[in-house]
Amino acid sequence: MSVTSSRSILTYFSWAFAFTALGLLLSLWVGWSFTGTVQGMWSVFFICLVLSILEISLSFDNAVVNANILKRMDPVWQKRFLTWGILIAVFGMRIVFPVMVVSIAAGTGPIEALKLAVNNPDRYAEIMHVAHPKIAAFGGAFLLMVALSFFFDPDKDEHWFGPIERGCTRCSVMRGVEAALALVIILIVATLYPDGARAEFVTMALYGMMTFFAVEFLGRMLDSNQAGLTAGKAGLGAFLYLEVLDASFSFDGVIGAFALSQNLFVIAIGLGIGAMYVRSMTIALVEREVLSEFRFLEHGAFYAILVLAVIMFIQPLMHIPEVITGLIGVVLIGAALKSSYKGRSTA
């Protein structure tokens, strides 16, 4: 790769690099403010760095899926997602979402929940931990539907694992087959839960599936209504779909971050840095048309989503380190890239 090409790729990450520098500097200030020691300051700095790396490793598949939807969007809505959307991702999901979860679970107002995060982080983390099974069931079911909808697509004509994917495409002529399979998976996983938690898991998973259908229906309705304005390209509907999708990707990362720190602001800094890299990767994938050049990259991302959905289902039963989840995604996407290179060389 030439120096010019390398520089052109790096320019996509200029905002991410700037946000990283600002975030890590802010982590030093947060560490000093909460601990008052140099050791505590550098400890917070290291935790933020680790959280950002974990978020980046977990976000390859998120960036690929975002790019796949974004490339079909109207340019105006592309810009809106990459500006407003990233603000929602960084501040909404990394700060507001955990506070709202604690507020609902503890039966207090958002302000009281925020005060709890600052003054009693251990109690705050305990409430988030209790809410984890519900969040994991909801987010896992939504991501499961996202992945299955990709494989059970009657118009899908590109297959990475031929026998499996061709079979899924053939079965897609049956209406609702992906929803039926999702329900089977949910019911099988539910048998692993203790009696007291089984009904709650199934209920939240059903809510996740219903949210997927609602967002998909709303998205299609909104985009069809504005087709004349967008020349048939996706707009507001796709924007809403991407926001819910990004939120589902964020659920497990936000909960898992409490294993490293109970401080809301430390988590927000670390995961926020990772979210900026997702934005940069998404832009690079769209503008450089990487998905069309590497035909199996998208497949690898959806296999990674499928695995992530299952991991979210079983995470409340057995702890699976986020590093493992991230590595699985990296391996699947790496294998897809390798297969794409082979396909190009034999074409």
Protein backbone atom coordinates (compact mmCIF):
# COMPACT_ATOMS: atom_id res chain seq x y z
CA MET A 1 0.00 0.00 0.00
CA SER A 2 1.39 3.42 -0.93
CA VAL A 3 2.05 6.22 1.54
CA THR A 4 -0.61 8.31 -0.18
CA SER A 5 -3.16 5.53 0.21
CA SER A 6 -2.22 5.09 3.88
CA ARG A 7 -2.60 8.80 4.52
CA SER A 8 -5.98 8.86 2.81
CA ILE A 9 -7.19 6.06 5.08
CA LEU A 10 -5.84 7.78 8.20
CA THR A 11 -7.72 10.97 7.37
CA TYR A 12 -10.97 9.13 8.05
CA PHE A 13 -9.84 8.68 11.65
CA SER A 14 -8.75 12.27 12.32
CA TRP A 15 -11.81 13.03 14.48
CA ALA A 16 -11.43 9.70 16.30
CA PHE A 17 -7.76 10.45 17.04
CA ALA A 18 -8.67 13.92 18.34
CA PHE A 19 -11.48 12.51 20.49
CA THR A 20 -9.11 9.84 21.82
CA ALA A 21 -6.57 12.46 22.91
CA LEU A 22 -9.29 14.59 24.52
CA GLY A 23 -10.92 11.61 26.20
CA LEU A 24 -7.70 10.24 27.67
CA LEU A 25 -6.76 13.69 28.98
CA LEU A 26 -10.22 13.92 30.51
CA SER A 27 -9.70 10.49 32.09
CA LEU A 28 -6.66 11.82 33.94
CA TRP A 29 -8.76 14.67 35.31
CA VAL A 30 -11.57 12.30 36.32
CA GLY A 31 -9.08 9.96 37.98
CA TRP A 32 -7.56 12.78 39.99
CA SER A 33 -10.98 14.22 40.91
CA PHE A 34 -12.31 10.90 42.26
CA THR A 35 -9.15 9.51 43.87
CA GLY A 36 -6.90 12.47 44.57
CA THR A 37 -3.83 10.32 43.91
CA VAL A 38 -1.42 9.96 41.02
CA GLN A 39 -1.84 6.18 41.13
CA GLY A 40 -5.61 6.49 40.92
CA MET A 41 -5.31 8.97 38.08
CA TRP A 42 -3.21 6.60 35.96
CA SER A 43 -5.43 3.66 36.92
CA VAL A 44 -8.47 5.46 35.47
CA PHE A 45 -6.43 6.37 32.39
CA PHE A 46 -5.54 2.71 31.84
CA ILE A 47 -9.16 1.54 32.35
CA CYS A 48 -10.42 4.09 29.80
CA LEU A 49 -7.76 2.91 27.34
CA VAL A 50 -8.74 -0.76 27.81
CA LEU A 51 -12.46 0.03 27.48
CA SER A 52 -11.87 1.93 24.25
CA ILE A 53 -9.84 -0.96 22.78
CA LEU A 54 -12.54 -3.47 23.78
CA GLU A 55 -15.25 -1.29 22.25
CA ILE A 56 -13.30 -0.97 19.00
CA SER A 57 -12.73 -4.74 18.81
CA LEU A 58 -16.44 -5.35 19.44
CA SER A 59 -17.48 -2.80 16.83
CA PHE A 60 -16.06 -4.14 13.55
CA ASP A 61 -19.32 -5.89 12.76
CA ASN A 62 -21.31 -2.83 13.84
CA ALA A 63 -19.35 -0.63 11.40
CA VAL A 64 -19.84 -3.09 8.52
CA VAL A 65 -23.60 -3.34 9.07
CA ASN A 66 -23.88 0.44 9.48
CA ALA A 67 -22.00 0.93 6.21
CA ASN A 68 -24.24 -1.55 4.39
CA ILE A 69 -27.34 0.43 5.37
CA LEU A 70 -25.70 3.85 5.12
CA LYS A 71 -24.61 3.39 1.51
CA ARG A 72 -28.30 3.09 0.51
CA MET A 73 -29.33 6.23 2.38
CA ASP A 74 -29.92 9.67 0.97
CA PRO A 75 -26.74 11.82 1.35
CA VAL A 76 -28.58 14.24 3.64
CA TRP A 77 -29.55 11.44 6.01
CA GLN A 78 -26.04 9.98 5.81
CA LYS A 79 -24.68 13.23 7.19
CA ARG A 80 -27.35 13.38 9.85
CA PHE A 81 -26.54 9.88 11.05
CA LEU A 82 -22.82 10.63 11.14
CA THR A 83 -23.41 13.81 13.19
CA TRP A 84 -26.57 13.48 15.26
CA GLY A 85 -26.29 9.71 15.30
CA ILE A 86 -22.83 9.73 16.83
CA LEU A 87 -23.98 12.19 19.51
CA ILE A 88 -26.81 9.81 20.39
CA ALA A 89 -24.36 6.87 20.41
CA VAL A 90 -21.74 8.57 22.59
CA PHE A 91 -23.90 10.54 25.00
CA GLY A 92 -27.24 8.77 24.75
CA MET A 93 -26.18 5.13 24.99
CA ARG A 94 -23.04 5.63 27.10
CA ILE A 95 -24.42 8.13 29.63
CA VAL A 96 -28.19 8.59 29.41
CA PHE A 97 -29.09 4.91 28.87
CA PRO A 98 -27.34 3.55 32.01
CA VAL A 99 -28.80 6.39 34.09
CA MET A 100 -32.32 5.67 32.79
CA VAL A 101 -31.92 1.94 33.51
CA VAL A 102 -30.90 2.66 37.10
CA SER A 103 -33.67 5.25 37.41
CA ILE A 104 -36.35 2.76 36.34
CA ALA A 105 -34.90 -0.18 38.29
CA ALA A 106 -34.46 1.83 41.51
CA GLY A 107 -37.74 3.72 41.15
CA THR A 108 -36.03 7.11 41.35
CA GLY A 109 -35.75 10.12 39.08
CA PRO A 110 -32.92 10.52 36.54
CA ILE A 111 -31.25 13.21 38.67
CA GLU A 112 -31.22 10.95 41.72
CA ALA A 113 -29.83 8.11 39.57
CA LEU A 114 -27.06 10.41 38.32
CA LYS A 115 -26.26 11.41 41.91
CA LEU A 116 -26.14 7.73 42.82
CA ALA A 117 -23.63 7.13 40.00
CA VAL A 118 -21.40 9.89 41.40
CA ASN A 119 -21.80 9.34 45.15
CA ASN A 120 -22.41 5.57 45.37
CA PRO A 121 -20.98 3.87 42.26
CA ASP A 122 -21.04 0.41 43.88
CA ARG A 123 -24.81 0.58 44.41
CA TYR A 124 -25.23 2.00 40.91
CA ALA A 125 -23.26 -0.93 39.43
CA GLU A 126 -25.28 -3.40 41.52
CA ILE A 127 -28.56 -2.10 40.06
CA MET A 128 -27.15 -2.31 36.52
CA HIS A 129 -26.03 -5.89 37.22
CA VAL A 130 -29.54 -6.85 38.36
CA ALA A 131 -31.01 -5.32 35.19
CA HIS A 132 -28.47 -7.12 32.95
CA PRO A 133 -30.55 -10.26 32.16
CA LYS A 134 -33.50 -8.17 30.93
CA ILE A 135 -31.30 -5.92 28.80
CA ALA A 136 -29.37 -8.88 27.39
CA ALA A 137 -32.56 -10.74 26.44
CA PHE A 138 -34.01 -7.68 24.71
CA GLY A 139 -30.84 -6.70 22.85
CA GLY A 140 -29.92 -10.29 21.99
CA ALA A 141 -33.33 -10.93 20.42
CA PHE A 142 -33.14 -7.75 18.35
CA LEU A 143 -29.67 -8.64 17.05
CA LEU A 144 -30.77 -12.23 16.41
CA MET A 145 -33.53 -10.95 14.13
CA VAL A 146 -31.08 -8.62 12.38
CA ALA A 147 -28.74 -11.54 11.60
CA LEU A 148 -31.44 -14.03 10.59
CA SER A 149 -33.11 -11.46 8.32
CA PHE A 150 -29.85 -11.16 6.41
CA PHE A 151 -29.49 -14.92 5.85
CA PHE A 152 -33.19 -15.58 5.18
CA ASP A 153 -33.41 -13.03 2.39
CA PRO A 154 -35.01 -14.30 -0.85
CA ASP A 155 -33.02 -11.74 -2.87
CA LYS A 156 -29.65 -12.78 -1.43
CA ASP A 157 -27.52 -14.24 -4.23
CA GLU A 158 -24.01 -13.99 -2.72
CA HIS A 159 -23.09 -16.87 -0.39
CA TRP A 160 -19.98 -17.35 1.75
CA PHE A 161 -20.80 -20.76 3.27
CA GLY A 162 -22.70 -22.01 0.24
CA PRO A 163 -24.67 -25.03 1.55
CA ILE A 164 -25.86 -23.24 4.69
CA GLU A 165 -26.68 -19.90 3.12
CA ARG A 166 -28.28 -21.33 -0.02
CA GLY A 167 -30.51 -23.44 2.23
CA CYS A 168 -31.51 -20.33 4.19
CA THR A 169 -32.31 -18.50 0.95
CA ARG A 170 -34.48 -21.39 -0.27
CA CYS A 171 -36.33 -21.52 3.05
CA SER A 172 -36.95 -17.77 2.95
CA VAL A 173 -39.88 -18.32 0.57
CA MET A 174 -41.80 -19.41 3.67
CA ARG A 175 -43.12 -16.26 5.34
CA GLY A 176 -41.86 -15.65 8.85
CA VAL A 177 -39.32 -18.48 8.86
CA GLU A 178 -36.65 -16.30 10.48
CA ALA A 179 -39.06 -15.29 13.26
CA ALA A 180 -40.00 -18.93 13.84
CA LEU A 181 -36.32 -19.91 14.08
CA ALA A 182 -35.65 -17.01 16.47
CA LEU A 183 -38.49 -18.22 18.71
CA VAL A 184 -37.07 -21.76 18.69
CA ILE A 185 -33.64 -20.45 19.72
CA ILE A 186 -35.18 -18.29 22.46
CA LEU A 187 -37.19 -21.21 23.86
CA ILE A 188 -34.13 -23.49 23.83
CA VAL A 189 -32.04 -20.90 25.68
CA ALA A 190 -34.92 -20.31 28.11
CA THR A 191 -34.64 -23.93 29.32
CA LEU A 192 -31.16 -23.08 30.63
CA TYR A 193 -32.55 -20.36 32.92
CA PRO A 194 -33.85 -21.17 36.41
CA ASP A 195 -37.62 -21.36 36.80
CA GLY A 196 -37.91 -17.92 38.39
CA ALA A 197 -36.08 -16.14 35.58
CA ARG A 198 -37.34 -18.12 32.57
CA ALA A 199 -40.57 -16.21 31.97
CA GLU A 200 -38.79 -12.87 32.33
CA PHE A 201 -36.16 -13.89 29.78
CA VAL A 202 -38.78 -14.99 27.22
CA THR A 203 -40.87 -11.86 27.78
CA MET A 204 -37.94 -9.47 27.25
CA ALA A 205 -36.76 -11.46 24.21
CA LEU A 206 -40.25 -11.15 22.70
CA TYR A 207 -40.12 -7.41 23.32
CA GLY A 208 -36.81 -7.36 21.44
CA MET A 209 -38.37 -9.17 18.47
CA MET A 210 -41.41 -6.89 18.52
CA THR A 211 -39.12 -3.85 18.52
CA PHE A 212 -37.32 -5.20 15.45
CA PHE A 213 -40.59 -5.64 13.56
CA ALA A 214 -41.88 -2.25 14.70
CA VAL A 215 -38.71 -0.42 13.65
CA GLU A 216 -38.59 -2.27 10.33
CA PHE A 217 -42.25 -1.48 9.60
CA LEU A 218 -41.89 2.15 10.65
CA GLY A 219 -38.71 2.52 8.61
CA ARG A 220 -40.29 1.16 5.45
CA MET A 221 -43.37 3.30 5.91
CA LEU A 222 -41.41 6.50 6.48
CA ASP A 223 -39.01 5.85 3.60
CA SER A 224 -41.82 4.97 1.18
CA ASN A 225 -43.60 8.21 2.08
CA GLN A 226 -40.53 10.28 1.23
CA ALA A 227 -39.43 8.25 -1.81
CA GLY A 228 -40.19 11.17 -4.12
CA LEU A 229 -37.85 13.40 -2.16
CA THR A 230 -35.00 10.94 -1.85
CA ALA A 231 -35.10 9.34 -5.29
CA GLY A 232 -36.04 6.02 -3.71
CA LYS A 233 -33.17 6.03 -1.21
CA ALA A 234 -33.61 5.36 2.50
CA GLY A 235 -33.92 8.31 4.86
CA LEU A 236 -35.59 8.80 8.24
CA GLY A 237 -36.66 5.15 8.50
CA ALA A 238 -33.15 3.87 7.96
CA PHE A 239 -31.85 6.47 10.42
CA LEU A 240 -34.19 5.17 13.14
CA TYR A 241 -33.28 1.57 12.32
CA LEU A 242 -29.55 2.37 12.60
CA GLU A 243 -30.04 4.09 15.94
CA VAL A 244 -31.88 1.09 17.43
CA LEU A 245 -29.29 -1.25 15.90
CA ASP A 246 -26.43 0.74 17.41
CA ALA A 247 -28.21 0.73 20.76
CA SER A 248 -28.51 -3.07 20.63
CA PHE A 249 -24.80 -3.37 19.91
CA SER A 250 -24.10 -1.10 22.87
CA PHE A 251 -26.18 -2.93 25.49
CA ASP A 252 -23.67 -5.65 26.28
CA GLY A 253 -20.66 -3.35 26.08
CA VAL A 254 -22.17 -0.89 28.56
CA ILE A 255 -23.09 -3.65 31.02
CA GLY A 256 -19.76 -5.45 30.57
CA ALA A 257 -17.83 -2.24 31.21
CA PHE A 258 -18.94 -2.36 34.85
CA ALA A 259 -16.59 -5.33 35.30
CA LEU A 260 -13.70 -2.88 34.88
CA SER A 261 -15.14 0.23 36.51
CA GLN A 262 -18.27 1.31 38.40
CA ASN A 263 -17.67 4.95 37.51
CA LEU A 264 -20.22 6.18 34.95
CA PHE A 265 -17.87 8.85 33.60
CA VAL A 266 -14.96 6.45 33.15
CA ILE A 267 -17.22 4.09 31.21
CA ALA A 268 -18.61 6.95 29.11
CA ILE A 269 -15.11 8.12 28.17
CA GLY A 270 -13.80 4.66 27.28
CA LEU A 271 -16.83 3.53 25.30
CA GLY A 272 -17.27 6.97 23.74
CA ILE A 273 -13.78 6.76 22.25
CA GLY A 274 -14.67 3.39 20.75
CA ALA A 275 -17.91 4.82 19.31
CA MET A 276 -15.94 7.48 17.44
CA TYR A 277 -13.88 4.77 15.74
CA VAL A 278 -17.10 3.03 14.68
CA ARG A 279 -18.12 6.29 12.98
CA SER A 280 -14.74 6.58 11.26
CA MET A 281 -14.75 2.95 10.11
CA THR A 282 -18.29 3.35 8.79
CA ILE A 283 -17.37 6.41 6.71
CA ALA A 284 -14.26 4.69 5.32
CA LEU A 285 -16.24 1.58 4.36
CA VAL A 286 -18.87 3.63 2.55
CA GLU A 287 -16.67 6.16 0.74
CA ARG A 288 -14.02 3.63 -0.33
CA GLU A 289 -16.74 1.15 -1.38
CA VAL A 290 -15.05 -1.62 0.58
CA LEU A 291 -18.20 -3.74 0.83
CA SER A 292 -18.49 -4.06 -2.94
CA GLU A 293 -14.78 -4.80 -3.26
CA PHE A 294 -14.73 -7.44 -0.50
CA ARG A 295 -17.92 -9.36 -1.17
CA PHE A 296 -17.87 -11.61 1.92
CA LEU A 297 -17.07 -8.88 4.47
CA GLU A 298 -20.75 -8.28 5.14
CA HIS A 299 -21.32 -12.01 5.65
CA GLY A 300 -18.59 -12.16 8.28
CA ALA A 301 -20.18 -9.23 10.11
CA PHE A 302 -23.61 -10.89 10.23
CA TYR A 303 -22.14 -14.18 11.44
CA ALA A 304 -20.44 -12.15 14.19
CA ILE A 305 -23.81 -10.55 15.05
CA LEU A 306 -25.39 -14.00 15.25
CA VAL A 307 -22.71 -15.13 17.68
CA LEU A 308 -23.03 -11.91 19.69
CA ALA A 309 -26.79 -12.43 20.02
CA VAL A 310 -26.31 -15.94 21.43
CA ILE A 311 -23.58 -14.70 23.79
CA MET A 312 -25.91 -11.98 25.08
CA PHE A 313 -28.54 -14.64 25.78
CA ILE A 314 -26.21 -16.80 27.86
CA GLN A 315 -24.11 -14.00 29.39
CA PRO A 316 -26.32 -13.75 32.53
CA LEU A 317 -25.82 -17.51 33.09
CA MET A 318 -22.05 -17.63 32.59
CA HIS A 319 -19.63 -14.76 32.27
CA ILE A 320 -17.97 -14.60 28.88
CA PRO A 321 -15.21 -11.96 28.81
CA GLU A 322 -15.75 -9.16 26.33
CA VAL A 323 -12.29 -9.94 24.96
CA ILE A 324 -13.57 -13.33 23.78
CA THR A 325 -16.61 -11.73 22.14
CA GLY A 326 -14.40 -9.19 20.39
CA LEU A 327 -11.93 -11.83 19.20
CA ILE A 328 -14.73 -13.95 17.72
CA GLY A 329 -15.92 -10.96 15.71
CA VAL A 330 -12.40 -10.10 14.55
CA VAL A 331 -11.72 -13.73 13.51
CA LEU A 332 -14.98 -14.02 11.54
CA ILE A 333 -14.46 -10.72 9.75
CA GLY A 334 -10.81 -11.58 9.13
CA ALA A 335 -11.84 -14.93 7.61
CA ALA A 336 -14.40 -13.15 5.44
CA LEU A 337 -11.71 -10.74 4.22
CA LYS A 338 -9.41 -13.66 3.42
CA SER A 339 -12.14 -15.40 1.44
CA SER A 340 -12.87 -12.17 -0.40
CA TYR A 341 -9.19 -11.86 -1.39
CA LYS A 342 -9.24 -15.42 -2.71
CA GLY A 343 -12.38 -14.69 -4.67
CA ARG A 344 -10.75 -11.63 -6.25
CA SER A 345 -7.60 -13.55 -7.21
CA THR A 346 -9.57 -16.34 -8.89
CA ALA A 347 -12.06 -14.02 -10.59
